[in-house]
Amino acid sequence: MAQGNLKLKNKAPARVTKKQINPKKASPRVYKPKKGDLTANLAKTHHSKLVVDTEKLVSSRVGHLELLKGSRRQLEKANKKK
């Protein structure tokens, strides 16, 4: 007796797994100005702050420089204590 084709069941599709997404670490949010002149102003302010901090750091390490040690308020506070 001739045997017909076997009627095999279709296999269930393989389970699709999601890619692992590592959560993004929290970082300070940056608010970008929408206008060009504001961008320039922000950069100027940021740059001046960096310069002031660098001068303060250098002047605190080396005493003979002509830079002021600290801000005006810090100097006035030191003078009041004396």
C-alpha atoms as a PDB file:
ATOM      1  CA  MET A   1       0.000   0.000   0.000  1.00  0.00           C
ATOM      2  CA  ALA A   2       1.391   3.375  -1.019  1.00  0.00           C
ATOM      3  CA  GLN A   3       1.930   5.827   1.734  1.00  0.00           C
ATOM      4  CA  GLY A   4       1.005   9.474   1.178  1.00  0.00           C
ATOM      5  CA  ASN A   5       2.927  12.528   2.347  1.00  0.00           C
ATOM      6  CA  LEU A   6       3.141  12.844   6.104  1.00  0.00           C
ATOM      7  CA  LYS A   7       1.010  15.659   7.431  1.00  0.00           C
ATOM      8  CA  LEU A   8       3.427  17.355   9.806  1.00  0.00           C
ATOM      9  CA  LYS A   9       2.296  20.255  11.958  1.00  0.00           C
ATOM     10  CA  ASN A  10       3.947  23.582  11.310  1.00  0.00           C
ATOM     11  CA  LYS A  11       6.379  24.488  14.058  1.00  0.00           C
ATOM     12  CA  ALA A  12       5.414  27.392  16.277  1.00  0.00           C
ATOM     13  CA  PRO A  13       7.479  30.481  15.492  1.00  0.00           C
ATOM     14  CA  ALA A  14      10.509  30.978  17.745  1.00  0.00           C
ATOM     15  CA  ARG A  15       9.990  33.310  20.655  1.00  0.00           C
ATOM     16  CA  VAL A  16      11.318  36.758  19.865  1.00  0.00           C
ATOM     17  CA  THR A  17      13.179  38.320  22.761  1.00  0.00           C
ATOM     18  CA  LYS A  18      13.699  42.013  23.204  1.00  0.00           C
ATOM     19  CA  LYS A  19      17.160  43.491  23.142  1.00  0.00           C
ATOM     20  CA  GLN A  20      18.412  44.451  26.573  1.00  0.00           C
ATOM     21  CA  ILE A  21      18.357  48.201  26.973  1.00  0.00           C
ATOM     22  CA  ASN A  22      20.481  49.516  29.785  1.00  0.00           C
ATOM     23  CA  PRO A  23      18.931  52.580  31.394  1.00  0.00           C
ATOM     24  CA  LYS A  24      20.716  55.830  30.660  1.00  0.00           C
ATOM     25  CA  LYS A  25      22.631  57.252  33.593  1.00  0.00           C
ATOM     26  CA  ALA A  26      21.278  60.477  35.021  1.00  0.00           C
ATOM     27  CA  SER A  27      23.166  63.519  33.832  1.00  0.00           C
ATOM     28  CA  PRO A  28      22.612  67.230  34.198  1.00  0.00           C
ATOM     29  CA  ARG A  29      20.043  68.426  31.733  1.00  0.00           C
ATOM     30  CA  VAL A  30      21.318  70.920  29.172  1.00  0.00           C
ATOM     31  CA  TYR A  31      18.937  73.632  28.092  1.00  0.00           C
ATOM     32  CA  LYS A  32      20.064  74.927  24.730  1.00  0.00           C
ATOM     33  CA  PRO A  33      19.128  78.506  23.849  1.00  0.00           C
ATOM     34  CA  LYS A  34      17.115  78.832  20.676  1.00  0.00           C
ATOM     35  CA  LYS A  35      18.659  82.092  19.453  1.00  0.00           C
ATOM     36  CA  GLY A  36      22.228  82.625  18.300  1.00  0.00           C
ATOM     37  CA  ASP A  37      22.962  85.715  20.377  1.00  0.00           C
ATOM     38  CA  LEU A  38      21.877  83.873  23.516  1.00  0.00           C
ATOM     39  CA  THR A  39      24.270  81.062  22.645  1.00  0.00           C
ATOM     40  CA  ALA A  40      27.143  83.512  22.329  1.00  0.00           C
ATOM     41  CA  ASN A  41      26.193  85.176  25.615  1.00  0.00           C
ATOM     42  CA  LEU A  42      26.014  81.827  27.389  1.00  0.00           C
ATOM     43  CA  ALA A  43      29.424  80.806  26.040  1.00  0.00           C
ATOM     44  CA  LYS A  44      30.905  84.142  27.116  1.00  0.00           C
ATOM     45  CA  THR A  45      29.520  83.777  30.642  1.00  0.00           C
ATOM     46  CA  HIS A  46      30.723  80.198  30.916  1.00  0.00           C
ATOM     47  CA  HIS A  47      34.175  81.126  29.629  1.00  0.00           C
ATOM     48  CA  SER A  48      34.546  84.009  32.075  1.00  0.00           C
ATOM     49  CA  LYS A  49      33.559  81.735  34.969  1.00  0.00           C
ATOM     50  CA  LEU A  50      36.225  79.221  33.921  1.00  0.00           C
ATOM     51  CA  VAL A  51      38.855  81.966  33.767  1.00  0.00           C
ATOM     52  CA  VAL A  52      37.921  83.282  37.212  1.00  0.00           C
ATOM     53  CA  ASP A  53      38.039  79.809  38.752  1.00  0.00           C
ATOM     54  CA  THR A  54      41.404  79.064  37.144  1.00  0.00           C
ATOM     55  CA  GLU A  55      42.882  82.356  38.364  1.00  0.00           C
ATOM     56  CA  LYS A  56      41.584  81.691  41.862  1.00  0.00           C
ATOM     57  CA  LEU A  57      43.109  78.209  41.874  1.00  0.00           C
ATOM     58  CA  VAL A  58      46.487  79.407  40.604  1.00  0.00           C
ATOM     59  CA  SER A  59      46.614  82.348  43.008  1.00  0.00           C
ATOM     60  CA  SER A  60      45.833  80.111  45.965  1.00  0.00           C
ATOM     61  CA  ARG A  61      48.710  77.775  45.056  1.00  0.00           C
ATOM     62  CA  VAL A  62      51.293  80.451  44.236  1.00  0.00           C
ATOM     63  CA  GLY A  63      51.393  83.342  46.683  1.00  0.00           C
ATOM     64  CA  HIS A  64      53.510  85.843  44.755  1.00  0.00           C
ATOM     65  CA  LEU A  65      51.159  86.318  41.798  1.00  0.00           C
ATOM     66  CA  GLU A  66      49.312  89.600  41.397  1.00  0.00           C
ATOM     67  CA  LEU A  67      45.964  87.850  41.417  1.00  0.00           C
ATOM     68  CA  LEU A  68      43.522  88.251  44.263  1.00  0.00           C
ATOM     69  CA  LYS A  69      43.066  85.292  46.541  1.00  0.00           C
ATOM     70  CA  GLY A  70      39.339  84.691  46.556  1.00  0.00           C
ATOM     71  CA  SER A  71      36.410  86.918  45.689  1.00  0.00           C
ATOM     72  CA  ARG A  72      35.768  90.418  46.989  1.00  0.00           C
ATOM     73  CA  ARG A  73      33.406  89.123  49.677  1.00  0.00           C
ATOM     74  CA  GLN A  74      35.937  86.556  50.866  1.00  0.00           C
ATOM     75  CA  LEU A  75      38.611  89.249  51.113  1.00  0.00           C
ATOM     76  CA  GLU A  76      36.317  91.601  53.063  1.00  0.00           C
ATOM     77  CA  LYS A  77      35.393  88.787  55.445  1.00  0.00           C
ATOM     78  CA  ALA A  78      39.077  88.029  56.047  1.00  0.00           C
ATOM     79  CA  ASN A  79      39.785  91.724  56.713  1.00  0.00           C
ATOM     80  CA  LYS A  80      36.941  91.922  59.257  1.00  0.00           C
ATOM     81  CA  LYS A  81      38.376  88.995  61.197  1.00  0.00           C
ATOM     82  CA  LYS A  82      41.760  90.769  61.465  1.00  0.00           C
END
